[in-house]
Each structure stands twice: as C-alpha cells, then as structure tokens.
Amino acid sequence: MIDFIYTTGWGAFIVMLMFQIPFLIVFFSIVNKKAFVDSTPGKTEASKYSSTKWAWVGLTIIAFIVVNVASIQYMPTVIEAGTGNAKEVTVEARSWAFDISDTNLRVGEPVRFSATSADTMHSFAIIHPDGQQIFTMMLMPGLETANTLVHTFTEPGEYIVRCLEYCGIAHHTMKTTLTVASN
C-alpha cells in the first residue's frame, strides 16, 4: 500500500486530499457558523486561540515529517546510494547535443550517470520506450561537481535521452538514444 502512495500519481493525489479535506471541513464549518448560525463577534478568550493555533501547527509539522521520512526510501539517490559497483557513464550537455561516454547498457546493471553542462542550462532526461519519463536532472553550467544519479534499467530497449530545459534555437534537436540490452 505504501508503494502505491509514493510511486503513482493517484497515491500523491490521495495524500494531498488527506491534508486538504480536514482543513476544508474545519474552514467551512467556521464559515458556516459565522455566516448563518451566529454572526456576532466571538466570545472566545484570546489565550484559547493561541493554544489551538499551536496544536494545528504541531499537527501539521508532525504530518509533514512523517510523510517525508516515509518517502525517503523512494528517492532515486537513496535507492541506489549503496551501489559501489555501478557502471560509470559521463554526460556532457552542450548546445545542442549530448556527449555520452557509453550508450550501450545492460538490464540489471546499476549505472551512475554523472552529468555536466558546458554552456547553458540543460536537463538530462531518460524516457522509456513506452514514452514514460524515468528521470530528469537539471544541469547548470559552472558547477564544480557533476550531477549524479544511479539508475538500474529493468527492461531492454531503445531509451530516448532529451533535454527538457529550453536551451536555444535548436533545442528540439537535442536528443539521442541509449541501447539497453538484456543479459
């Protein structure tokens, strides 16, 4: 069940609703009470508002921390962080091409992509043969270290590499392919 929450769009939508529905219920009950039931100024002491406010803030902080800590294991950099035997692939993006050290990869082999930009803002996105985006990295020029991400391909095929950050007049031509072979 927890995989569903962190790996699908519907899971993210459900989590968003879990945060918004209680807020909306409280909000509309207060609006309804003040608009239709009792429109006179409130008789609640100011000190009581302070404790209620801090209770809501505390509940929100706890929910935020719980959701984020539970999601750490689904972050791509954490999933493959312990992979010391990953194949190193360097990527340099420049107007309007990618220079990739190795475009022939294997299913099940962890690949550490280390990407840089030589001239302007670019992105390095890998798209599955079925059209689903696997990941993207933003590449900024002038950084001292490369952006790094480890990914293990699970299916063979021709994967498309695209720049998704507009980088100039020939941006649309900035694409290439990676060939992932089965073992």
Protein backbone atom coordinates (compact mmCIF):
# COMPACT_ATOMS: atom_id res chain seq x y z
CA MET A 1 0.00 0.00 0.00
CA ILE A 2 2.76 2.45 0.87
CA ASP A 3 4.40 1.80 -2.55
CA PHE A 4 1.16 2.92 -4.18
CA ILE A 5 1.29 6.24 -2.32
CA TYR A 6 4.85 7.09 -3.37
CA THR A 7 5.09 5.59 -6.86
CA THR A 8 1.84 6.65 -8.54
CA GLY A 9 0.10 9.90 -9.29
CA TRP A 10 -3.08 8.64 -7.62
CA GLY A 11 -1.14 7.97 -4.42
CA ALA A 12 0.14 11.55 -4.36
CA PHE A 13 -3.40 12.79 -5.04
CA ILE A 14 -4.76 10.77 -2.08
CA VAL A 15 -2.06 12.15 0.25
CA MET A 16 -2.91 15.69 -0.91
CA LEU A 17 -6.59 15.03 -0.14
CA MET A 18 -5.68 13.67 3.31
CA PHE A 19 -4.15 17.07 4.08
CA GLN A 20 -6.79 19.25 2.42
CA ILE A 21 -10.08 17.60 3.43
CA PRO A 22 -9.66 18.11 7.21
CA PHE A 23 -8.66 21.72 6.57
CA LEU A 24 -11.69 22.30 4.33
CA ILE A 25 -14.06 20.71 6.87
CA VAL A 26 -12.81 22.98 9.66
CA PHE A 27 -12.73 26.02 7.37
CA PHE A 28 -16.28 25.60 6.06
CA SER A 29 -17.70 24.75 9.50
CA ILE A 30 -16.25 28.02 10.84
CA VAL A 31 -17.50 30.00 7.83
CA ASN A 32 -20.96 28.42 8.14
CA LYS A 33 -21.14 29.12 11.86
CA LYS A 34 -20.08 32.77 11.48
CA ALA A 35 -22.27 33.40 8.40
CA PHE A 36 -25.51 31.64 9.33
CA VAL A 37 -25.58 30.41 12.93
CA ASP A 38 -24.02 33.21 14.98
CA SER A 39 -22.77 36.28 13.14
CA THR A 40 -21.98 38.23 16.32
CA PRO A 41 -18.34 38.70 17.33
CA GLY A 42 -16.84 35.64 19.01
CA LYS A 43 -16.76 35.36 22.79
CA THR A 44 -13.70 33.09 22.95
CA GLU A 45 -10.79 34.39 25.00
CA ALA A 46 -7.66 35.31 23.00
CA SER A 47 -5.50 32.94 25.08
CA LYS A 48 -7.54 29.96 23.85
CA TYR A 49 -6.80 30.86 20.21
CA SER A 50 -3.08 30.64 20.88
CA SER A 51 -3.22 27.04 22.16
CA THR A 52 -5.47 25.96 19.27
CA LYS A 53 -3.16 27.61 16.76
CA TRP A 54 -0.10 25.81 18.16
CA ALA A 55 -1.96 22.49 18.18
CA TRP A 56 -2.74 22.88 14.44
CA VAL A 57 0.84 23.95 13.68
CA GLY A 58 2.22 21.00 15.64
CA LEU A 59 -0.11 18.53 13.92
CA THR A 60 0.89 19.90 10.51
CA ILE A 61 4.61 19.65 11.30
CA ILE A 62 4.26 16.08 12.57
CA ALA A 63 2.28 15.02 9.47
CA PHE A 64 4.85 16.70 7.20
CA ILE A 65 7.76 14.93 8.92
CA VAL A 66 6.04 11.51 8.86
CA VAL A 67 5.18 11.73 5.14
CA ASN A 68 8.67 12.91 4.20
CA VAL A 69 10.54 10.36 6.32
CA ALA A 70 8.39 7.57 4.87
CA SER A 71 9.19 8.78 1.33
CA ILE A 72 12.98 8.78 1.72
CA GLN A 73 13.31 5.16 0.63
CA TYR A 74 11.63 6.04 -2.70
CA MET A 75 14.14 8.74 -3.66
CA PRO A 76 16.30 7.55 -6.60
CA THR A 77 19.52 8.73 -4.98
CA VAL A 78 18.73 6.80 -1.80
CA ILE A 79 17.56 3.63 -3.55
CA GLU A 80 20.94 3.18 -5.24
CA ALA A 81 23.16 5.01 -2.73
CA GLY A 82 24.95 1.84 -1.64
CA THR A 83 25.78 0.78 -5.19
CA GLY A 84 29.57 0.84 -5.31
CA ASN A 85 29.85 -1.37 -8.41
CA ALA A 86 27.82 0.84 -10.73
CA LYS A 87 28.96 1.41 -14.31
CA GLU A 88 30.22 4.98 -14.69
CA VAL A 89 28.71 6.95 -17.57
CA THR A 90 29.70 10.59 -18.00
CA VAL A 91 27.42 13.01 -19.80
CA GLU A 92 28.29 16.48 -21.04
CA ALA A 93 25.45 18.60 -22.40
CA ARG A 94 26.25 21.42 -24.79
CA SER A 95 24.25 23.36 -27.33
CA TRP A 96 22.60 21.18 -28.91
CA ALA A 97 24.00 17.74 -28.23
CA PHE A 98 24.90 15.26 -25.53
CA ASP A 99 28.37 13.74 -25.27
CA ILE A 100 27.74 10.40 -23.51
CA SER A 101 30.70 8.15 -22.69
CA ASP A 102 28.77 4.89 -23.18
CA THR A 103 25.34 4.45 -24.76
CA ASN A 104 25.26 0.63 -24.61
CA LEU A 105 23.96 -0.57 -21.25
CA ARG A 106 22.60 -3.81 -19.77
CA VAL A 107 19.43 -4.71 -17.90
CA GLY A 108 20.07 -5.14 -14.17
CA GLU A 109 23.38 -3.28 -14.23
CA PRO A 110 23.45 -0.18 -12.00
CA VAL A 111 24.58 2.87 -13.98
CA ARG A 112 25.92 6.02 -12.35
CA PHE A 113 25.20 8.96 -14.65
CA SER A 114 27.48 11.93 -13.90
CA ALA A 115 26.25 14.87 -15.95
CA THR A 116 27.50 18.43 -16.51
CA SER A 117 26.64 21.37 -18.75
CA ALA A 118 29.32 23.05 -20.83
CA ASP A 119 27.49 26.23 -21.78
CA THR A 120 23.94 26.94 -20.56
CA MET A 121 21.05 25.40 -18.61
CA HIS A 122 20.17 21.94 -19.87
CA SER A 123 18.45 18.89 -18.50
CA PHE A 124 19.27 15.22 -18.93
CA ALA A 125 16.07 13.18 -19.15
CA ILE A 126 15.74 9.50 -19.95
CA ILE A 127 12.47 8.35 -21.46
CA HIS A 128 11.33 4.71 -21.53
CA PRO A 129 10.49 3.21 -24.95
CA ASP A 130 6.79 3.38 -23.98
CA GLY A 131 7.08 7.18 -23.54
CA GLN A 132 7.17 7.36 -19.74
CA GLN A 133 9.86 9.62 -18.31
CA ILE A 134 12.17 7.69 -15.99
CA PHE A 135 14.09 10.61 -14.51
CA THR A 136 15.48 14.04 -15.28
CA MET A 137 18.43 16.01 -13.93
CA MET A 138 18.90 19.77 -14.19
CA LEU A 139 22.36 20.70 -15.44
CA MET A 140 23.72 24.15 -14.62
CA PRO A 141 26.95 25.44 -16.15
CA GLY A 142 29.87 26.34 -13.93
CA LEU A 143 29.26 23.81 -11.14
CA GLU A 144 32.42 22.25 -9.70
CA THR A 145 30.87 18.79 -9.35
CA ALA A 146 28.69 16.84 -11.72
CA ASN A 147 25.06 15.99 -11.00
CA THR A 148 25.00 12.28 -10.25
CA LEU A 149 22.21 9.75 -10.26
CA VAL A 150 22.31 5.95 -10.17
CA HIS A 151 19.69 4.03 -12.11
CA THR A 152 19.21 0.34 -12.88
CA PHE A 153 17.31 -0.41 -16.07
CA THR A 154 14.82 -3.27 -15.72
CA GLU A 155 13.73 -3.64 -19.35
CA PRO A 156 15.68 -3.80 -22.61
CA GLY A 157 15.01 -1.33 -25.41
CA GLU A 158 15.93 1.98 -27.03
CA TYR A 159 15.65 4.72 -24.40
CA ILE A 160 15.43 8.31 -25.57
CA VAL A 161 17.64 10.97 -24.00
CA ARG A 162 16.21 14.51 -24.24
CA CYS A 163 16.95 17.98 -22.97
CA LEU A 164 13.78 19.27 -21.31
CA GLU A 165 15.15 22.73 -20.47
CA TYR A 166 14.86 25.23 -23.33
CA CYS A 167 18.47 25.91 -24.33
CA GLY A 168 18.24 27.85 -27.56
CA ILE A 169 17.01 27.83 -31.12
CA ALA A 170 17.93 24.19 -31.86
CA HIS A 171 16.70 22.82 -28.51
CA HIS A 172 14.29 20.47 -30.28
CA THR A 173 17.22 18.62 -31.92
CA MET A 174 18.95 17.85 -28.62
CA LYS A 175 18.22 14.16 -28.29
CA THR A 176 19.96 10.82 -28.58
CA THR A 177 19.34 7.20 -27.56
CA LEU A 178 20.64 4.66 -25.07
CA THR A 179 20.53 1.00 -26.01
CA VAL A 180 19.74 -1.30 -23.09
CA ALA A 181 20.36 -4.95 -23.87
CA SER A 182 19.06 -7.95 -21.95
CA ASN A 183 21.63 -10.04 -20.07
